Amino acid sequence: MKAIPSRPKPTKVNEGLLKSWEFRDTNDRSIIRVLKAVGLLNGSNEPTDVYTKFMDLVGGPPVLGAEIKKIYAPLFTASHTPFNESPEKLRNLFNIHSGSATLDLQIQTFKALCESASFDAAVPGSPPVSSPVPPGAPGIQPPQSNNALGPAININLHIHLPENKTRRDYEAIIEDIGRYIFGRNSGDRGD
């Protein structure tokens, strides 16, 4: 998925193209089925309009996110953010909704797709989505727009934390994020 925006749009995605992109293992061919399932390729393995939109570094992840939400609708009905669920919770969701013996591979594919997608940005041409968080909620700041400076830029930070860490380890990680990304000291509370 990460190779698509960095490569020219092909006329057809086939085994030869995958090999030229250095995907030489026979298991790599399964990506063609996945690309078809999420609407990036048509039945003839030719890139669709969704493929073209996904090539856009800014607008592409929300487009893929919308397609993933369609394909995996039962997961998004059961969880607001199934891509953040634990492996056990995902295994349960996939087992309920697919009942397949290849759960681990399905989960792995779902997670890999979600790494290249965005689920919190609007898809170009779609109606705006209202936020589930009420305006003025504590700790939530509405986006600020200054048209003189250009469009607002949102940065989403996804942190994957290991399960074997202590509460203090997690607190240190959060403090470092505050210090290095937001310029806050450990005593600052953002008030």
C-alpha atoms as a PDB file:
ATOM      1  CA  MET A   1       0.000   0.000   0.000  1.00  0.00           C
ATOM      2  CA  LYS A   2       2.859   2.341   0.778  1.00  0.00           C
ATOM      3  CA  ALA A   3       4.361   1.745  -2.679  1.00  0.00           C
ATOM      4  CA  ILE A   4       1.269   2.924  -4.585  1.00  0.00           C
ATOM      5  CA  PRO A   5       1.587   6.698  -4.041  1.00  0.00           C
ATOM      6  CA  SER A   6       5.328   6.595  -4.788  1.00  0.00           C
ATOM      7  CA  ARG A   7       5.003   4.778  -8.128  1.00  0.00           C
ATOM      8  CA  PRO A   8       3.546   5.828 -11.485  1.00  0.00           C
ATOM      9  CA  LYS A   9      -0.030   4.675 -12.035  1.00  0.00           C
ATOM     10  CA  PRO A  10       0.190   1.375 -13.942  1.00  0.00           C
ATOM     11  CA  THR A  11      -2.172   0.371 -16.728  1.00  0.00           C
ATOM     12  CA  LYS A  12      -2.589  -3.036 -15.065  1.00  0.00           C
ATOM     13  CA  VAL A  13      -1.426  -4.645 -11.825  1.00  0.00           C
ATOM     14  CA  ASN A  14      -0.158  -8.156 -12.486  1.00  0.00           C
ATOM     15  CA  GLU A  15       2.603 -10.518 -11.395  1.00  0.00           C
ATOM     16  CA  GLY A  16       5.156  -8.830 -13.667  1.00  0.00           C
ATOM     17  CA  LEU A  17       4.454  -5.413 -12.168  1.00  0.00           C
ATOM     18  CA  LEU A  18       4.671  -6.796  -8.641  1.00  0.00           C
ATOM     19  CA  LYS A  19       8.061  -8.327  -9.436  1.00  0.00           C
ATOM     20  CA  SER A  20       9.277  -4.972 -10.805  1.00  0.00           C
ATOM     21  CA  TRP A  21       8.149  -3.428  -7.523  1.00  0.00           C
ATOM     22  CA  GLU A  22      10.292  -6.062  -5.746  1.00  0.00           C
ATOM     23  CA  PHE A  23       7.349  -8.207  -4.571  1.00  0.00           C
ATOM     24  CA  ARG A  24       8.738 -11.510  -5.798  1.00  0.00           C
ATOM     25  CA  ASP A  25       7.302 -14.005  -3.310  1.00  0.00           C
ATOM     26  CA  THR A  26       4.339 -16.042  -4.541  1.00  0.00           C
ATOM     27  CA  ASN A  27       2.362 -14.918  -1.465  1.00  0.00           C
ATOM     28  CA  ASP A  28       2.748 -11.302  -2.623  1.00  0.00           C
ATOM     29  CA  ARG A  29       0.278 -11.993  -5.443  1.00  0.00           C
ATOM     30  CA  SER A  30      -2.545 -11.991  -2.899  1.00  0.00           C
ATOM     31  CA  ILE A  31      -2.266  -8.199  -2.780  1.00  0.00           C
ATOM     32  CA  ILE A  32      -4.086  -8.118  -6.128  1.00  0.00           C
ATOM     33  CA  ARG A  33      -7.166  -9.722  -4.510  1.00  0.00           C
ATOM     34  CA  VAL A  34      -6.953  -7.243  -1.640  1.00  0.00           C
ATOM     35  CA  LEU A  35      -6.652  -4.257  -4.010  1.00  0.00           C
ATOM     36  CA  LYS A  36      -9.737  -5.510  -5.878  1.00  0.00           C
ATOM     37  CA  ALA A  37     -11.658  -5.969  -2.626  1.00  0.00           C
ATOM     38  CA  VAL A  38     -11.056  -2.376  -1.523  1.00  0.00           C
ATOM     39  CA  GLY A  39     -11.921  -0.997  -4.958  1.00  0.00           C
ATOM     40  CA  LEU A  40      -8.447   0.059  -6.084  1.00  0.00           C
ATOM     41  CA  LEU A  41      -8.504  -2.412  -8.998  1.00  0.00           C
ATOM     42  CA  ASN A  42     -11.348  -3.503 -11.247  1.00  0.00           C
ATOM     43  CA  GLY A  43     -12.059  -7.062 -12.377  1.00  0.00           C
ATOM     44  CA  SER A  44      -9.373  -6.767 -15.083  1.00  0.00           C
ATOM     45  CA  ASN A  45      -6.701  -5.663 -12.555  1.00  0.00           C
ATOM     46  CA  GLU A  46      -6.764  -2.110 -13.930  1.00  0.00           C
ATOM     47  CA  PRO A  47      -6.537   0.819 -11.505  1.00  0.00           C
ATOM     48  CA  THR A  48      -9.862   2.485 -10.718  1.00  0.00           C
ATOM     49  CA  ASP A  49     -10.665   6.095  -9.823  1.00  0.00           C
ATOM     50  CA  VAL A  50     -10.244   5.071  -6.181  1.00  0.00           C
ATOM     51  CA  TYR A  51      -6.665   3.987  -6.998  1.00  0.00           C
ATOM     52  CA  THR A  52      -5.979   7.374  -8.575  1.00  0.00           C
ATOM     53  CA  LYS A  53      -7.414   9.202  -5.552  1.00  0.00           C
ATOM     54  CA  PHE A  54      -5.401   6.995  -3.179  1.00  0.00           C
ATOM     55  CA  MET A  55      -2.186   8.062  -4.949  1.00  0.00           C
ATOM     56  CA  ASP A  56      -2.698  11.578  -3.514  1.00  0.00           C
ATOM     57  CA  LEU A  57      -0.505  11.758  -0.396  1.00  0.00           C
ATOM     58  CA  VAL A  58      -2.961  14.026   1.437  1.00  0.00           C
ATOM     59  CA  GLY A  59      -6.380  12.978   0.160  1.00  0.00           C
ATOM     60  CA  GLY A  60      -5.550   9.309  -0.431  1.00  0.00           C
ATOM     61  CA  PRO A  61      -5.706   7.904   3.123  1.00  0.00           C
ATOM     62  CA  PRO A  62      -9.266   9.218   3.748  1.00  0.00           C
ATOM     63  CA  VAL A  63     -10.380   7.719   0.426  1.00  0.00           C
ATOM     64  CA  LEU A  64      -8.935   4.342   1.453  1.00  0.00           C
ATOM     65  CA  GLY A  65     -10.492   4.756   4.901  1.00  0.00           C
ATOM     66  CA  ALA A  66     -13.940   5.195   3.330  1.00  0.00           C
ATOM     67  CA  GLU A  67     -13.462   2.055   1.222  1.00  0.00           C
ATOM     68  CA  ILE A  68     -12.281   0.047   4.235  1.00  0.00           C
ATOM     69  CA  LYS A  69     -15.351   1.185   6.182  1.00  0.00           C
ATOM     70  CA  LYS A  70     -17.548  -0.148   3.362  1.00  0.00           C
ATOM     71  CA  ILE A  71     -15.776  -3.505   3.113  1.00  0.00           C
ATOM     72  CA  TYR A  72     -15.474  -4.028   6.861  1.00  0.00           C
ATOM     73  CA  ALA A  73     -18.808  -2.397   7.803  1.00  0.00           C
ATOM     74  CA  PRO A  74     -19.665  -5.001  10.480  1.00  0.00           C
ATOM     75  CA  LEU A  75     -16.407  -4.213  12.302  1.00  0.00           C
ATOM     76  CA  PHE A  76     -17.117  -0.470  12.273  1.00  0.00           C
ATOM     77  CA  THR A  77     -20.638  -1.173  13.518  1.00  0.00           C
ATOM     78  CA  ALA A  78     -19.262  -3.144  16.464  1.00  0.00           C
ATOM     79  CA  SER A  79     -16.437  -0.695  17.284  1.00  0.00           C
ATOM     80  CA  HIS A  80     -15.752   2.987  16.623  1.00  0.00           C
ATOM     81  CA  THR A  81     -12.092   2.211  15.941  1.00  0.00           C
ATOM     82  CA  PRO A  82     -11.679  -1.482  15.174  1.00  0.00           C
ATOM     83  CA  PHE A  83      -8.179  -0.781  13.835  1.00  0.00           C
ATOM     84  CA  ASN A  84      -7.142   0.090  17.408  1.00  0.00           C
ATOM     85  CA  GLU A  85      -8.669  -2.998  19.004  1.00  0.00           C
ATOM     86  CA  SER A  86      -6.545  -5.684  20.630  1.00  0.00           C
ATOM     87  CA  PRO A  87      -5.727  -8.826  18.630  1.00  0.00           C
ATOM     88  CA  GLU A  88      -8.122 -10.807  20.853  1.00  0.00           C
ATOM     89  CA  LYS A  89     -10.988  -8.365  20.233  1.00  0.00           C
ATOM     90  CA  LEU A  90     -10.316  -8.370  16.479  1.00  0.00           C
ATOM     91  CA  ARG A  91     -10.178 -12.161  16.435  1.00  0.00           C
ATOM     92  CA  ASN A  92     -13.570 -12.204  18.152  1.00  0.00           C
ATOM     93  CA  LEU A  93     -15.049  -9.653  15.711  1.00  0.00           C
ATOM     94  CA  PHE A  94     -13.711 -11.482  12.667  1.00  0.00           C
ATOM     95  CA  ASN A  95     -14.885 -14.820  14.036  1.00  0.00           C
ATOM     96  CA  ILE A  96     -18.393 -13.455  14.579  1.00  0.00           C
ATOM     97  CA  HIS A  97     -18.619 -11.759  11.197  1.00  0.00           C
ATOM     98  CA  SER A  98     -16.709 -14.140   8.937  1.00  0.00           C
ATOM     99  CA  GLY A  99     -16.358 -17.461  10.713  1.00  0.00           C
ATOM    100  CA  SER A 100     -13.341 -18.283   8.574  1.00  0.00           C
ATOM    101  CA  ALA A 101     -10.425 -20.485   9.522  1.00  0.00           C
ATOM    102  CA  THR A 102      -8.018 -17.837   8.212  1.00  0.00           C
ATOM    103  CA  LEU A 103      -8.765 -15.263  10.911  1.00  0.00           C
ATOM    104  CA  ASP A 104      -5.153 -14.312  11.545  1.00  0.00           C
ATOM    105  CA  LEU A 105      -4.566 -13.560   7.861  1.00  0.00           C
ATOM    106  CA  GLN A 106      -7.793 -11.543   7.656  1.00  0.00           C
ATOM    107  CA  ILE A 107      -6.826  -9.540  10.712  1.00  0.00           C
ATOM    108  CA  GLN A 108      -3.324  -8.979   9.353  1.00  0.00           C
ATOM    109  CA  THR A 109      -4.760  -7.728   6.037  1.00  0.00           C
ATOM    110  CA  PHE A 110      -7.226  -5.441   7.816  1.00  0.00           C
ATOM    111  CA  LYS A 111      -4.468  -3.938   9.999  1.00  0.00           C
ATOM    112  CA  ALA A 112      -2.144  -3.460   6.998  1.00  0.00           C
ATOM    113  CA  LEU A 113      -4.867  -1.650   5.063  1.00  0.00           C
ATOM    114  CA  CYS A 114      -5.677   0.559   8.033  1.00  0.00           C
ATOM    115  CA  GLU A 115      -2.030   1.631   8.358  1.00  0.00           C
ATOM    116  CA  SER A 116      -2.358   3.353   4.967  1.00  0.00           C
ATOM    117  CA  ALA A 117      -5.778   4.843   5.672  1.00  0.00           C
ATOM    118  CA  SER A 118      -7.216   7.722   7.619  1.00  0.00           C
ATOM    119  CA  PHE A 119     -10.599   7.501   9.295  1.00  0.00           C
ATOM    120  CA  ASP A 120     -10.919  10.954  10.810  1.00  0.00           C
ATOM    121  CA  ALA A 121     -10.579  13.178   7.746  1.00  0.00           C
ATOM    122  CA  ALA A 122     -13.314  14.034   5.305  1.00  0.00           C
ATOM    123  CA  VAL A 123     -13.277  12.322   1.939  1.00  0.00           C
ATOM    124  CA  PRO A 124     -13.177  14.953  -0.840  1.00  0.00           C
ATOM    125  CA  GLY A 125     -16.699  15.479  -2.141  1.00  0.00           C
ATOM    126  CA  SER A 126     -18.437  13.936   0.879  1.00  0.00           C
ATOM    127  CA  PRO A 127     -20.659  15.843   3.324  1.00  0.00           C
ATOM    128  CA  PRO A 128     -19.009  16.990   6.567  1.00  0.00           C
ATOM    129  CA  VAL A 129     -19.286  14.603   9.508  1.00  0.00           C
ATOM    130  CA  SER A 130     -20.229  16.016  12.901  1.00  0.00           C
ATOM    131  CA  SER A 131     -17.879  15.352  15.767  1.00  0.00           C
ATOM    132  CA  PRO A 132     -19.028  12.980  18.545  1.00  0.00           C
ATOM    133  CA  VAL A 133     -17.293  15.266  21.061  1.00  0.00           C
ATOM    134  CA  PRO A 134     -19.397  18.269  22.106  1.00  0.00           C
ATOM    135  CA  PRO A 135     -17.837  21.700  21.435  1.00  0.00           C
ATOM    136  CA  GLY A 136     -15.993  23.092  24.432  1.00  0.00           C
ATOM    137  CA  ALA A 137     -15.453  19.691  26.034  1.00  0.00           C
ATOM    138  CA  PRO A 138     -12.563  19.745  28.515  1.00  0.00           C
ATOM    139  CA  GLY A 139      -9.220  19.150  26.872  1.00  0.00           C
ATOM    140  CA  ILE A 140     -10.669  19.452  23.362  1.00  0.00           C
ATOM    141  CA  GLN A 141      -9.777  22.483  21.322  1.00  0.00           C
ATOM    142  CA  PRO A 142     -11.708  23.200  18.123  1.00  0.00           C
ATOM    143  CA  PRO A 143      -9.576  23.460  14.992  1.00  0.00           C
ATOM    144  CA  GLN A 144      -8.400  26.960  14.334  1.00  0.00           C
ATOM    145  CA  SER A 145      -8.352  28.246  10.798  1.00  0.00           C
ATOM    146  CA  ASN A 146      -6.483  31.244   9.557  1.00  0.00           C
ATOM    147  CA  ASN A 147      -7.141  31.613   5.847  1.00  0.00           C
ATOM    148  CA  ALA A 148      -4.296  34.096   5.558  1.00  0.00           C
ATOM    149  CA  LEU A 149      -1.880  31.313   6.474  1.00  0.00           C
ATOM    150  CA  GLY A 150      -3.502  28.704   4.238  1.00  0.00           C
ATOM    151  CA  PRO A 151      -5.454  25.587   5.085  1.00  0.00           C
ATOM    152  CA  ALA A 152      -5.289  24.043   8.532  1.00  0.00           C
ATOM    153  CA  ILE A 153      -2.988  21.064   8.910  1.00  0.00           C
ATOM    154  CA  ASN A 154      -3.960  18.217  11.207  1.00  0.00           C
ATOM    155  CA  ILE A 155      -1.414  15.724  12.475  1.00  0.00           C
ATOM    156  CA  ASN A 156      -2.619  12.389  13.811  1.00  0.00           C
ATOM    157  CA  LEU A 157      -0.221  10.575  16.075  1.00  0.00           C
ATOM    158  CA  HIS A 158      -0.734   6.823  16.435  1.00  0.00           C
ATOM    159  CA  ILE A 159       1.191   5.176  19.237  1.00  0.00           C
ATOM    160  CA  HIS A 160       1.454   1.414  19.502  1.00  0.00           C
ATOM    161  CA  LEU A 161       2.391   0.592  23.067  1.00  0.00           C
ATOM    162  CA  PRO A 162       3.740  -2.762  24.167  1.00  0.00           C
ATOM    163  CA  GLU A 163       1.704  -4.640  26.762  1.00  0.00           C
ATOM    164  CA  ASN A 164       4.655  -5.352  29.061  1.00  0.00           C
ATOM    165  CA  LYS A 165       5.224  -1.748  30.193  1.00  0.00           C
ATOM    166  CA  THR A 166       4.312  -0.188  33.544  1.00  0.00           C
ATOM    167  CA  ARG A 167       2.012   2.754  34.073  1.00  0.00           C
ATOM    168  CA  ARG A 168       5.069   4.937  34.663  1.00  0.00           C
ATOM    169  CA  ASP A 169       6.540   3.891  31.305  1.00  0.00           C
ATOM    170  CA  TYR A 170       3.328   5.018  29.582  1.00  0.00           C
ATOM    171  CA  GLU A 171       3.303   8.299  31.504  1.00  0.00           C
ATOM    172  CA  ALA A 172       6.906   8.952  30.446  1.00  0.00           C
ATOM    173  CA  ILE A 173       5.986   8.362  26.801  1.00  0.00           C
ATOM    174  CA  ILE A 174       3.049  10.782  27.039  1.00  0.00           C
ATOM    175  CA  GLU A 175       5.218  13.386  28.796  1.00  0.00           C
ATOM    176  CA  ASP A 176       7.848  13.074  26.049  1.00  0.00           C
ATOM    177  CA  ILE A 177       5.178  13.594  23.411  1.00  0.00           C
ATOM    178  CA  GLY A 178       3.997  16.697  25.236  1.00  0.00           C
ATOM    179  CA  ARG A 179       7.548  17.985  25.619  1.00  0.00           C
ATOM    180  CA  TYR A 180       8.895  17.298  22.142  1.00  0.00           C
ATOM    181  CA  ILE A 181       5.805  17.729  19.988  1.00  0.00           C
ATOM    182  CA  PHE A 182       3.753  20.299  21.899  1.00  0.00           C
ATOM    183  CA  GLY A 183       6.595  22.067  23.722  1.00  0.00           C
ATOM    184  CA  ARG A 184       5.095  21.456  27.171  1.00  0.00           C
ATOM    185  CA  ASN A 185       6.920  20.672  30.405  1.00  0.00           C
ATOM    186  CA  SER A 186       5.720  17.932  32.738  1.00  0.00           C
ATOM    187  CA  GLY A 187       4.137  20.548  35.025  1.00  0.00           C
ATOM    188  CA  ASP A 188       2.025  22.047  32.215  1.00  0.00           C
ATOM    189  CA  ARG A 189      -1.530  20.775  32.052  1.00  0.00           C
ATOM    190  CA  GLY A 190      -2.602  22.569  28.837  1.00  0.00           C
ATOM    191  CA  ASP A 191      -4.906  25.019  30.696  1.00  0.00           C
END
